[in-house]
Protein backbone atom coordinates (compact mmCIF):
# COMPACT_ATOMS: atom_id res chain seq x y z
CA MET A 1 -82.13 91.23 83.69
CA PRO A 2 -81.57 89.30 80.63
CA PHE A 3 -77.98 87.53 80.33
CA THR A 4 -76.57 88.76 76.84
CA VAL A 5 -73.92 86.33 75.48
CA PRO A 6 -70.79 88.12 74.46
CA ALA A 7 -70.32 88.12 71.25
CA ARG A 8 -67.10 85.58 70.18
CA PRO A 9 -64.64 87.25 67.84
CA PRO A 10 -64.47 85.86 64.60
CA VAL A 11 -61.93 82.90 63.88
CA ARG A 12 -59.63 83.15 61.28
CA ARG A 13 -59.82 80.61 58.78
CA LEU A 14 -56.13 79.25 58.22
CA LEU A 15 -57.11 75.87 56.49
CA PRO A 16 -55.84 77.06 53.01
CA VAL A 17 -52.80 78.23 54.66
CA ALA A 18 -51.95 74.99 56.37
CA ALA A 19 -52.93 73.09 52.44
CA LEU A 20 -50.29 75.61 50.76
CA LEU A 21 -47.47 74.60 53.63
CA LEU A 22 -48.00 71.17 53.05
CA VAL A 23 -47.86 71.05 49.50
CA PRO A 24 -43.55 71.58 49.18
CA VAL A 25 -43.63 68.45 51.92
CA LEU A 26 -46.01 66.40 49.85
CA ALA A 27 -44.18 67.50 46.22
CA ALA A 28 -40.45 66.55 48.22
CA CYS A 29 -41.95 63.57 49.17
CA GLY A 30 -43.18 62.42 45.53
CA GLU A 31 -39.83 63.18 43.84
CA ASP A 32 -38.44 59.90 42.52
CA ASP A 33 -34.81 59.48 43.63
CA PRO A 34 -32.26 60.95 41.13
CA GLU A 35 -30.09 57.57 41.97
CA GLU A 36 -33.18 55.44 40.74
CA THR A 37 -34.50 57.20 37.67
CA ALA A 38 -31.30 57.51 36.39
CA ALA A 39 -31.48 55.18 33.24
CA THR A 40 -29.59 52.09 33.22
CA PRO A 41 -26.82 51.81 30.59
CA THR A 42 -27.95 48.70 28.26
CA PRO A 43 -25.09 46.12 28.52
CA SER A 44 -23.44 46.41 24.62
CA THR A 45 -23.96 43.22 22.54
CA PRO A 46 -20.56 41.88 21.20
CA ALA A 47 -20.27 42.25 17.43
CA ALA A 48 -20.70 39.09 15.71
CA SER A 49 -17.04 37.94 14.28
CA ASP A 50 -16.83 38.36 10.65
CA PRO A 51 -16.40 35.19 8.59
CA THR A 52 -14.37 36.92 5.95
CA SER A 53 -12.19 37.48 8.45
CA ALA A 54 -11.66 34.58 10.57
CA THR A 55 -8.44 32.61 9.60
CA VAL A 56 -8.63 29.23 8.92
CA THR A 57 -5.91 26.90 8.94
CA GLU A 58 -5.59 23.47 7.05
CA SER A 59 -4.01 20.63 8.62
CA ALA A 60 -1.27 19.53 5.86
CA SER A 61 -2.30 16.36 4.29
CA THR A 62 -0.15 13.65 5.33
CA PRO A 63 1.09 11.32 2.07
CA VAL A 64 -0.14 7.39 2.67
CA GLU A 65 2.54 5.41 2.32
CA THR A 66 2.06 2.45 0.52
CA GLU A 67 4.47 -0.47 -0.06
CA PRO A 68 6.90 -0.59 -2.60
CA VAL A 69 5.97 -3.07 -5.55
CA PRO A 70 8.72 -5.43 -5.69
CA VAL A 71 10.16 -5.34 -9.23
CA VAL A 72 10.58 -9.10 -10.80
CA PRO A 73 13.26 -9.37 -13.67
CA ALA A 74 12.75 -11.15 -16.73
CA ALA A 75 14.79 -13.97 -17.78
CA CYS A 76 16.59 -12.16 -20.20
CA THR A 77 17.83 -9.84 -18.35
CA LEU A 78 19.81 -12.42 -15.94
CA ILE A 79 21.48 -14.59 -18.63
CA THR A 80 22.88 -14.27 -22.33
CA GLY A 81 23.47 -15.94 -25.37
CA ASP A 82 27.38 -15.87 -24.17
CA ASP A 83 26.70 -17.24 -21.28
CA VAL A 84 25.21 -20.59 -22.63
CA ALA A 85 27.21 -20.47 -25.26
CA LYS A 86 30.47 -20.66 -22.62
CA ALA A 87 28.65 -23.58 -20.30
CA MET A 88 27.69 -25.79 -23.63
CA GLY A 89 30.23 -25.32 -25.97
CA VAL A 90 28.65 -23.86 -29.31
CA ALA A 91 27.31 -20.95 -30.57
CA PHE A 92 23.63 -19.74 -30.19
CA GLU A 93 21.49 -17.92 -32.18
CA PRO A 94 19.76 -14.26 -30.36
CA ALA A 95 17.58 -14.98 -27.30
CA GLU A 96 14.16 -15.23 -28.00
CA GLN A 97 11.65 -13.91 -24.22
CA GLY A 98 8.47 -15.72 -24.29
CA GLY A 99 6.20 -17.28 -21.21
CA GLY A 100 4.61 -20.26 -20.61
CA ALA A 101 2.26 -22.21 -18.45
CA THR A 102 2.88 -25.99 -16.60
CA SER A 103 0.32 -28.21 -14.96
CA GLU A 104 1.49 -30.96 -12.86
CA GLY A 105 -1.00 -32.26 -10.94
CA ASP A 106 -2.59 -30.08 -8.00
CA LEU A 107 -0.04 -27.36 -9.03
CA ASP A 108 -0.37 -24.74 -12.23
CA TRP A 109 1.92 -21.88 -12.72
CA GLN A 110 3.38 -19.63 -15.09
CA SER A 111 6.80 -18.64 -15.76
CA ASP A 112 8.90 -16.10 -18.00
CA ASN A 113 11.41 -18.27 -20.44
CA CYS A 114 14.30 -17.38 -22.30
CA SER A 115 15.41 -18.99 -25.13
CA PHE A 116 18.43 -20.05 -27.36
CA GLU A 117 18.88 -22.19 -29.80
CA ALA A 118 22.09 -23.75 -31.78
CA GLU A 119 20.70 -24.63 -35.09
CA ASP A 120 20.21 -28.20 -35.66
CA LEU A 121 21.86 -29.42 -32.53
CA VAL A 122 20.18 -28.14 -29.30
CA GLU A 123 17.00 -25.33 -27.75
CA VAL A 124 18.25 -24.01 -24.36
CA SER A 125 15.12 -22.79 -22.16
CA VAL A 126 15.79 -21.02 -19.11
CA LYS A 127 12.91 -20.42 -16.86
CA LEU A 128 11.84 -18.21 -14.00
CA THR A 129 8.81 -18.81 -11.56
CA PHE A 130 8.18 -16.69 -8.69
CA PRO A 131 5.55 -17.13 -5.85
CA ASP A 132 2.87 -14.89 -7.56
CA ASP A 133 3.01 -16.93 -10.50
CA PHE A 134 1.47 -20.30 -8.87
CA THR A 135 -2.21 -19.82 -10.12
CA LYS A 136 -3.10 -23.19 -7.85
CA GLY A 137 -1.21 -24.25 -5.13
CA ASP A 138 1.53 -22.93 -2.86
CA PHE A 139 4.92 -21.78 -4.45
CA THR A 140 7.24 -25.12 -3.93
CA CYS A 141 9.99 -26.77 -5.90
CA PRO A 142 7.73 -29.61 -7.34
CA MET A 143 9.22 -32.89 -8.38
CA PRO A 144 8.83 -33.36 -12.48
CA SER A 145 6.99 -36.49 -13.29
CA ASP A 146 8.63 -39.82 -13.53
CA ILE A 147 6.33 -41.11 -15.92
CA ASN A 148 8.38 -40.73 -18.89
CA GLY A 149 11.98 -40.34 -17.52
CA VAL A 150 14.15 -40.70 -14.67
CA VAL A 151 14.27 -38.32 -11.96
CA GLU A 152 17.17 -37.63 -9.40
CA PRO A 153 17.45 -34.56 -6.37
CA VAL A 154 19.80 -32.28 -7.13
CA ASP A 155 21.97 -30.76 -4.21
CA ASP A 156 24.96 -29.42 -6.03
CA VAL A 157 23.55 -26.05 -7.28
CA ALA A 158 24.99 -23.14 -5.47
CA GLY A 159 22.55 -21.08 -3.85
CA ALA A 160 19.80 -23.19 -4.34
CA ASP A 161 17.98 -25.14 -1.28
CA GLN A 162 16.73 -27.93 -3.45
CA GLY A 163 16.69 -29.32 -6.93
CA TRP A 164 15.79 -31.77 -9.02
CA TRP A 165 17.30 -33.62 -12.50
CA LYS A 166 14.69 -35.48 -14.97
CA VAL A 167 16.44 -36.87 -18.11
CA SER A 168 13.97 -38.27 -20.66
CA ASN A 169 13.46 -42.09 -22.06
CA PRO A 170 15.72 -43.14 -25.01
CA PRO A 171 16.08 -42.55 -28.06
CA ASN A 172 15.50 -38.65 -28.12
CA PHE A 173 17.06 -36.76 -25.20
CA ALA A 174 15.72 -33.72 -22.95
CA GLY A 175 16.81 -32.38 -19.99
CA ASN A 176 14.81 -30.65 -17.25
CA LEU A 177 17.05 -29.20 -13.87
CA ARG A 178 14.66 -27.53 -11.77
CA ALA A 179 16.84 -25.23 -8.69
CA CYS A 180 14.83 -23.69 -5.96
CA THR A 181 14.89 -20.95 -3.06
CA ALA A 182 12.35 -19.90 -1.28
CA GLU A 183 11.55 -16.62 -3.55
CA VAL A 184 12.45 -18.21 -7.36
CA LEU A 185 11.81 -21.50 -8.93
CA VAL A 186 14.70 -21.90 -11.85
CA GLU A 187 14.50 -24.12 -14.67
CA VAL A 188 17.03 -25.00 -17.24
CA GLU A 189 15.69 -27.23 -20.13
CA LEU A 190 17.95 -28.91 -22.71
CA ASP A 191 16.00 -30.32 -25.83
CA TYR A 192 18.27 -32.16 -28.09
CA GLU A 193 17.62 -32.98 -32.21
CA ASP A 194 16.73 -36.22 -32.96
CA GLY A 195 19.60 -38.24 -33.49
CA VAL A 196 22.71 -36.10 -32.21
CA ASP A 197 25.73 -37.11 -30.42
CA TYR A 198 25.79 -34.26 -27.86
CA GLU A 199 29.18 -33.57 -25.96
CA GLY A 200 29.73 -32.96 -22.39
CA ASP A 201 27.73 -33.67 -19.70
CA PRO A 202 24.51 -32.19 -20.16
CA ARG A 203 23.17 -32.36 -16.03
CA GLN A 204 26.62 -30.21 -15.47
CA GLN A 205 25.78 -27.75 -18.12
CA ALA A 206 22.52 -27.22 -16.61
CA ALA A 207 23.76 -26.73 -13.19
CA GLN A 208 26.24 -24.50 -14.66
CA LEU A 209 23.61 -22.39 -15.77
CA ALA A 210 20.86 -22.07 -12.97
CA GLN A 211 23.83 -21.01 -11.14
CA LEU A 212 24.61 -18.10 -13.08
CA VAL A 213 20.94 -17.32 -12.99
CA LEU A 214 20.65 -17.37 -9.19
CA SER A 215 23.73 -15.70 -8.58
CA ASN A 216 22.77 -12.81 -10.73
CA LEU A 217 18.72 -12.58 -8.78
CA GLN A 218 21.26 -11.84 -5.85
CA GLY A 219 23.14 -9.15 -7.61
């Protein structure tokens, strides 16, 4: 008797259903983490400073200190015609201010002069020389040349550290007294007219005038 294979019950196709069930799972796995996908805030850039609003501090300028320039007095401010008249015993005309230059040996210097004249008798010149007035050689108290006269040291002028007195050879008489300190050279020149008989002691008279000038320089 022939064997008949029983018919298999029909198989339901579940594949589409299974695929549909996997869709939510895949969708859930494919979603990004909300914390990771959140936009990262961009750091703010500091605003550039406004150059017009910046405060500029200017340093106060420091004044440059300069050494004061010493004031050199003029000869005519240190002695008057009355002073000369008192020392010499005669009246003099008003003072005449001037300047001069002297050259002796290796030294050259300039001077500020103040001259007084007693007409037909004598002319008295007071000369001031300071260290800066030496244009050749160092400041010193130079001994006058004795070629045409007699020179002797002077140590009796108050206020002077060193001094010299020169008297010319006869018959014309002229005297020159120099009295010096470390700051100034004072000269007193006496130039008598030819043939004049002079009274008093010219050396002492010149020393008296030099001493007065040195005293007035000290103030």
